[in-house]
């Protein structure tokens, strides 16, 4: 059974991957882009932007406040859909997202 500390570890690995591959940005997307109501903000953000500016940040906040984790985490299927639409998604990123999905779901 995964624990909240395992979620923190996987988030760190995901952030490290995004930084190492040059997908981490110091430039924040516009407020309008971040407030999109479309799932994963896919109408406004790339997968890497969504991971950095929404997913990682929200999960860190949940961990810090002690709020409950989502019942199910299913980010990898979204990444696979994005890849099918032509966005570059590596096997390493898919593996990390699978680990995040599993760890968040189990740590619940």
N, C-alpha and C. Protein backbone atom coordinates (compact mmCIF):
# COMPACT_ATOMS: atom_id res chain seq x y z
N UNK A 1 0.84 -1.18 0.00
CA UNK A 1 0.00 0.00 0.00
C UNK A 1 0.89 1.25 0.00
N UNK A 2 0.60 2.15 -0.89
CA UNK A 2 1.38 3.38 -0.99
C UNK A 2 0.97 4.36 0.12
N UNK A 3 1.90 5.24 0.44
CA UNK A 3 1.65 6.26 1.45
C UNK A 3 1.80 7.64 0.82
N UNK A 4 1.39 8.64 1.56
CA UNK A 4 1.48 10.01 1.06
C UNK A 4 2.92 10.39 0.72
N UNK A 5 3.88 9.86 1.47
CA UNK A 5 5.29 10.14 1.18
C UNK A 5 5.69 9.56 -0.17
N UNK A 6 5.06 8.46 -0.56
CA UNK A 6 5.33 7.87 -1.88
C UNK A 6 4.82 8.79 -2.99
N UNK A 7 3.67 9.42 -2.75
CA UNK A 7 3.14 10.38 -3.72
C UNK A 7 4.13 11.53 -3.87
N UNK A 8 4.64 12.04 -2.75
CA UNK A 8 5.61 13.13 -2.77
C UNK A 8 6.84 12.73 -3.58
N UNK A 9 7.30 11.51 -3.38
CA UNK A 9 8.49 11.02 -4.11
C UNK A 9 8.24 10.99 -5.61
N UNK A 10 7.09 10.47 -6.03
CA UNK A 10 6.77 10.38 -7.46
C UNK A 10 6.61 11.77 -8.06
N UNK A 11 6.01 12.69 -7.31
CA UNK A 11 5.91 14.07 -7.80
C UNK A 11 7.29 14.67 -8.02
N UNK A 12 8.22 14.38 -7.12
CA UNK A 12 9.60 14.86 -7.28
C UNK A 12 10.25 14.27 -8.53
N UNK A 13 10.01 13.00 -8.77
CA UNK A 13 10.57 12.35 -9.97
C UNK A 13 9.97 12.96 -11.24
N UNK A 14 8.68 13.27 -11.21
CA UNK A 14 8.02 13.88 -12.36
C UNK A 14 8.58 15.28 -12.61
N UNK A 15 8.73 16.06 -11.56
CA UNK A 15 9.30 17.40 -11.71
C UNK A 15 10.73 17.31 -12.25
N UNK A 16 11.51 16.41 -11.71
CA UNK A 16 12.89 16.23 -12.20
C UNK A 16 12.89 15.88 -13.69
N UNK A 17 11.99 15.00 -14.10
CA UNK A 17 11.91 14.63 -15.52
C UNK A 17 11.60 15.86 -16.38
N UNK A 18 10.61 16.64 -15.97
CA UNK A 18 10.24 17.82 -16.75
C UNK A 18 11.39 18.82 -16.83
N UNK A 19 12.12 18.98 -15.75
CA UNK A 19 13.28 19.89 -15.77
C UNK A 19 14.40 19.34 -16.66
N UNK A 20 14.69 18.07 -16.49
CA UNK A 20 15.78 17.43 -17.24
C UNK A 20 15.53 17.45 -18.74
N UNK A 21 14.27 17.35 -19.14
CA UNK A 21 13.93 17.31 -20.56
C UNK A 21 13.61 18.68 -21.14
N UNK A 22 13.80 19.73 -20.33
CA UNK A 22 13.58 21.09 -20.82
C UNK A 22 12.12 21.48 -20.95
N UNK A 23 11.23 20.75 -20.29
CA UNK A 23 9.81 21.05 -20.39
C UNK A 23 9.30 21.87 -19.21
N UNK A 24 10.16 22.11 -18.22
CA UNK A 24 9.79 22.94 -17.07
C UNK A 24 9.98 24.39 -17.47
N UNK A 25 9.03 25.22 -17.15
CA UNK A 25 9.09 26.61 -17.58
C UNK A 25 9.04 27.57 -16.40
N UNK A 26 9.80 28.66 -16.52
CA UNK A 26 9.74 29.73 -15.53
C UNK A 26 8.62 30.70 -15.87
N UNK A 27 8.10 30.59 -17.08
CA UNK A 27 7.04 31.49 -17.53
C UNK A 27 5.67 30.84 -17.31
N UNK A 28 4.91 31.45 -16.45
CA UNK A 28 3.59 30.95 -16.10
C UNK A 28 2.60 31.26 -17.22
N UNK A 29 1.73 30.30 -17.57
CA UNK A 29 0.69 30.59 -18.57
C UNK A 29 -0.24 31.69 -18.07
N UNK A 30 -1.00 32.25 -18.97
CA UNK A 30 -1.92 33.33 -18.60
C UNK A 30 -2.96 32.82 -17.60
N UNK A 31 -3.52 33.75 -16.88
CA UNK A 31 -4.58 33.42 -15.91
C UNK A 31 -5.76 32.73 -16.60
N UNK A 32 -6.12 33.22 -17.77
CA UNK A 32 -7.24 32.63 -18.52
C UNK A 32 -6.94 31.18 -18.88
N UNK A 33 -5.71 30.90 -19.28
CA UNK A 33 -5.34 29.52 -19.63
C UNK A 33 -5.45 28.61 -18.42
N UNK A 34 -5.03 29.10 -17.27
CA UNK A 34 -5.05 28.29 -16.06
C UNK A 34 -6.46 28.11 -15.50
N UNK A 35 -7.37 28.97 -15.89
CA UNK A 35 -8.75 28.88 -15.41
C UNK A 35 -9.68 28.16 -16.36
N UNK A 36 -9.13 27.56 -17.40
CA UNK A 36 -9.95 26.81 -18.35
C UNK A 36 -10.78 25.77 -17.61
N UNK A 37 -12.02 25.59 -18.05
CA UNK A 37 -12.89 24.60 -17.43
C UNK A 37 -12.89 23.28 -18.20
N UNK A 38 -12.17 23.23 -19.29
CA UNK A 38 -12.05 22.01 -20.08
C UNK A 38 -11.13 21.05 -19.33
N UNK A 39 -11.47 19.76 -19.24
CA UNK A 39 -10.60 18.82 -18.53
C UNK A 39 -9.14 18.93 -18.98
N UNK A 40 -8.25 18.92 -18.01
CA UNK A 40 -6.81 19.02 -18.23
C UNK A 40 -6.41 20.33 -18.91
N UNK A 41 -7.33 21.29 -18.98
CA UNK A 41 -7.08 22.58 -19.66
C UNK A 41 -6.51 22.35 -21.06
N UNK A 42 -6.93 21.23 -21.68
CA UNK A 42 -6.32 20.82 -22.94
C UNK A 42 -6.57 21.81 -24.08
N UNK A 43 -7.52 22.73 -23.90
CA UNK A 43 -7.74 23.75 -24.91
C UNK A 43 -6.74 24.90 -24.80
N UNK A 44 -6.00 24.95 -23.67
CA UNK A 44 -5.10 26.07 -23.42
C UNK A 44 -3.66 25.67 -23.11
N UNK A 45 -3.45 24.49 -22.54
CA UNK A 45 -2.13 24.10 -22.06
C UNK A 45 -1.63 22.81 -22.71
N UNK A 46 -0.32 22.71 -22.84
CA UNK A 46 0.27 21.44 -23.25
C UNK A 46 0.22 20.50 -22.04
N UNK A 47 0.49 19.25 -22.26
CA UNK A 47 0.53 18.29 -21.16
C UNK A 47 1.55 18.71 -20.12
N UNK A 48 2.75 19.09 -20.56
CA UNK A 48 3.80 19.50 -19.61
C UNK A 48 3.38 20.72 -18.81
N UNK A 49 2.73 21.69 -19.44
CA UNK A 49 2.25 22.87 -18.71
C UNK A 49 1.20 22.47 -17.68
N UNK A 50 0.28 21.62 -18.06
CA UNK A 50 -0.76 21.19 -17.13
C UNK A 50 -0.14 20.46 -15.94
N UNK A 51 0.82 19.58 -16.24
CA UNK A 51 1.48 18.86 -15.15
C UNK A 51 2.17 19.83 -14.20
N UNK A 52 2.92 20.78 -14.74
CA UNK A 52 3.68 21.70 -13.90
C UNK A 52 2.78 22.68 -13.15
N UNK A 53 1.89 23.33 -13.85
CA UNK A 53 1.19 24.46 -13.25
C UNK A 53 -0.13 24.10 -12.58
N UNK A 54 -0.63 22.90 -12.82
CA UNK A 54 -1.88 22.52 -12.17
C UNK A 54 -1.71 21.23 -11.36
N UNK A 55 -1.37 20.14 -12.01
CA UNK A 55 -1.34 18.84 -11.34
C UNK A 55 -0.35 18.79 -10.18
N UNK A 56 0.91 19.06 -10.45
CA UNK A 56 1.93 18.96 -9.40
C UNK A 56 1.63 19.91 -8.26
N UNK A 57 1.27 21.14 -8.60
CA UNK A 57 0.96 22.13 -7.57
C UNK A 57 -0.22 21.73 -6.70
N UNK A 58 -1.28 21.24 -7.33
CA UNK A 58 -2.46 20.85 -6.55
C UNK A 58 -2.17 19.65 -5.66
N UNK A 59 -1.45 18.69 -6.18
CA UNK A 59 -1.14 17.51 -5.36
C UNK A 59 -0.22 17.88 -4.19
N UNK A 60 0.74 18.78 -4.43
CA UNK A 60 1.57 19.25 -3.31
C UNK A 60 0.71 19.93 -2.26
N UNK A 61 -0.24 20.73 -2.70
CA UNK A 61 -1.13 21.43 -1.77
C UNK A 61 -1.95 20.44 -0.95
N UNK A 62 -2.48 19.42 -1.60
CA UNK A 62 -3.26 18.39 -0.90
C UNK A 62 -2.39 17.69 0.14
N UNK A 63 -1.17 17.37 -0.23
CA UNK A 63 -0.26 16.70 0.70
C UNK A 63 0.09 17.60 1.89
N UNK A 64 0.33 18.87 1.62
CA UNK A 64 0.71 19.80 2.69
C UNK A 64 -0.44 20.07 3.66
N UNK A 65 -1.65 20.16 3.14
CA UNK A 65 -2.80 20.48 4.00
C UNK A 65 -3.40 19.26 4.68
N UNK A 66 -3.02 18.08 4.20
CA UNK A 66 -3.59 16.85 4.76
C UNK A 66 -4.96 16.52 4.21
N UNK A 67 -5.39 17.25 3.18
CA UNK A 67 -6.68 16.95 2.55
C UNK A 67 -6.62 15.58 1.90
N UNK A 68 -7.78 14.96 1.68
CA UNK A 68 -7.78 13.64 1.05
C UNK A 68 -7.30 13.70 -0.40
N UNK A 69 -6.58 12.68 -0.79
CA UNK A 69 -6.16 12.54 -2.18
C UNK A 69 -7.37 12.13 -3.02
N UNK A 70 -7.30 12.35 -4.33
CA UNK A 70 -8.40 11.91 -5.19
C UNK A 70 -8.62 10.40 -5.06
N UNK A 71 -9.86 9.97 -5.22
CA UNK A 71 -10.15 8.53 -5.13
C UNK A 71 -9.46 7.77 -6.24
N UNK A 72 -9.43 8.35 -7.41
CA UNK A 72 -8.77 7.73 -8.56
C UNK A 72 -7.95 8.78 -9.28
N UNK A 73 -6.82 8.38 -9.73
CA UNK A 73 -5.94 9.27 -10.49
C UNK A 73 -5.70 8.58 -11.84
N UNK A 74 -6.05 9.26 -12.90
CA UNK A 74 -5.92 8.65 -14.24
C UNK A 74 -5.36 9.67 -15.23
N UNK A 75 -4.10 10.01 -15.03
CA UNK A 75 -3.44 10.97 -15.90
C UNK A 75 -2.83 10.29 -17.12
N UNK A 76 -2.33 9.06 -16.95
CA UNK A 76 -1.69 8.39 -18.07
C UNK A 76 -2.62 8.24 -19.28
N UNK A 77 -3.89 7.86 -19.11
CA UNK A 77 -4.75 7.77 -20.29
C UNK A 77 -4.86 9.10 -21.05
N UNK A 78 -4.87 10.20 -20.31
CA UNK A 78 -4.90 11.50 -20.97
C UNK A 78 -3.61 11.71 -21.77
N UNK A 79 -2.47 11.36 -21.18
CA UNK A 79 -1.19 11.51 -21.88
C UNK A 79 -1.15 10.65 -23.14
N UNK A 80 -1.71 9.47 -23.07
CA UNK A 80 -1.76 8.60 -24.25
C UNK A 80 -2.63 9.22 -25.34
N UNK A 81 -3.73 9.85 -24.95
CA UNK A 81 -4.60 10.51 -25.91
C UNK A 81 -3.87 11.68 -26.57
N UNK A 82 -3.15 12.45 -25.77
CA UNK A 82 -2.38 13.59 -26.28
C UNK A 82 -1.32 13.09 -27.26
N UNK A 83 -0.68 11.99 -26.92
CA UNK A 83 0.35 11.43 -27.80
C UNK A 83 -0.27 10.99 -29.13
N UNK A 84 -1.45 10.41 -29.07
CA UNK A 84 -2.13 9.97 -30.29
C UNK A 84 -2.49 11.16 -31.18
N UNK A 85 -2.62 12.33 -30.57
CA UNK A 85 -2.95 13.54 -31.33
C UNK A 85 -1.71 14.28 -31.82
N UNK A 86 -0.53 13.72 -31.54
CA UNK A 86 0.70 14.27 -32.09
C UNK A 86 1.62 14.97 -31.13
N UNK A 87 1.23 15.15 -29.88
CA UNK A 87 2.14 15.78 -28.92
C UNK A 87 3.19 14.75 -28.51
N UNK A 88 4.44 15.19 -28.42
CA UNK A 88 5.53 14.29 -28.06
C UNK A 88 5.39 13.86 -26.60
N UNK A 89 5.24 12.57 -26.40
CA UNK A 89 5.13 11.99 -25.06
C UNK A 89 6.03 10.76 -25.04
N UNK A 90 7.02 10.78 -24.15
CA UNK A 90 7.98 9.68 -24.12
C UNK A 90 7.48 8.51 -23.28
N UNK A 91 8.08 7.37 -23.51
CA UNK A 91 7.76 6.19 -22.70
C UNK A 91 8.11 6.45 -21.23
N UNK A 92 9.18 7.20 -20.99
CA UNK A 92 9.57 7.51 -19.62
C UNK A 92 8.49 8.34 -18.92
N UNK A 93 7.94 9.32 -19.62
CA UNK A 93 6.87 10.13 -19.03
C UNK A 93 5.63 9.28 -18.77
N UNK A 94 5.28 8.41 -19.71
CA UNK A 94 4.13 7.53 -19.49
C UNK A 94 4.35 6.65 -18.27
N UNK A 95 5.56 6.16 -18.10
CA UNK A 95 5.88 5.33 -16.94
C UNK A 95 5.72 6.13 -15.64
N UNK A 96 6.21 7.36 -15.63
CA UNK A 96 6.08 8.20 -14.44
C UNK A 96 4.62 8.51 -14.13
N UNK A 97 3.84 8.75 -15.17
CA UNK A 97 2.43 9.05 -14.96
C UNK A 97 1.67 7.82 -14.47
N UNK A 98 2.04 6.66 -14.95
CA UNK A 98 1.44 5.41 -14.44
C UNK A 98 1.77 5.24 -12.97
N UNK A 99 3.02 5.52 -12.61
CA UNK A 99 3.42 5.42 -11.21
C UNK A 99 2.65 6.43 -10.35
N UNK A 100 2.45 7.63 -10.87
CA UNK A 100 1.69 8.64 -10.13
C UNK A 100 0.24 8.20 -9.97
N UNK A 101 -0.37 7.75 -11.05
CA UNK A 101 -1.76 7.27 -10.98
C UNK A 101 -1.91 6.18 -9.92
N UNK A 102 -1.04 5.21 -9.97
CA UNK A 102 -1.12 4.08 -9.05
C UNK A 102 -0.86 4.51 -7.61
N UNK A 103 0.15 5.34 -7.41
CA UNK A 103 0.53 5.75 -6.07
C UNK A 103 -0.55 6.62 -5.42
N UNK A 104 -1.09 7.57 -6.17
CA UNK A 104 -2.16 8.42 -5.62
C UNK A 104 -3.37 7.57 -5.27
N UNK A 105 -3.77 6.68 -6.16
CA UNK A 105 -4.94 5.85 -5.93
C UNK A 105 -4.74 4.94 -4.72
N UNK A 106 -3.55 4.35 -4.59
CA UNK A 106 -3.29 3.45 -3.46
C UNK A 106 -3.12 4.19 -2.14
N UNK A 107 -2.61 5.42 -2.18
CA UNK A 107 -2.38 6.18 -0.95
C UNK A 107 -3.66 6.76 -0.38
N UNK A 108 -4.68 6.72 -1.13
CA UNK A 108 -5.98 7.26 -0.70
C UNK A 108 -6.38 6.54 0.54
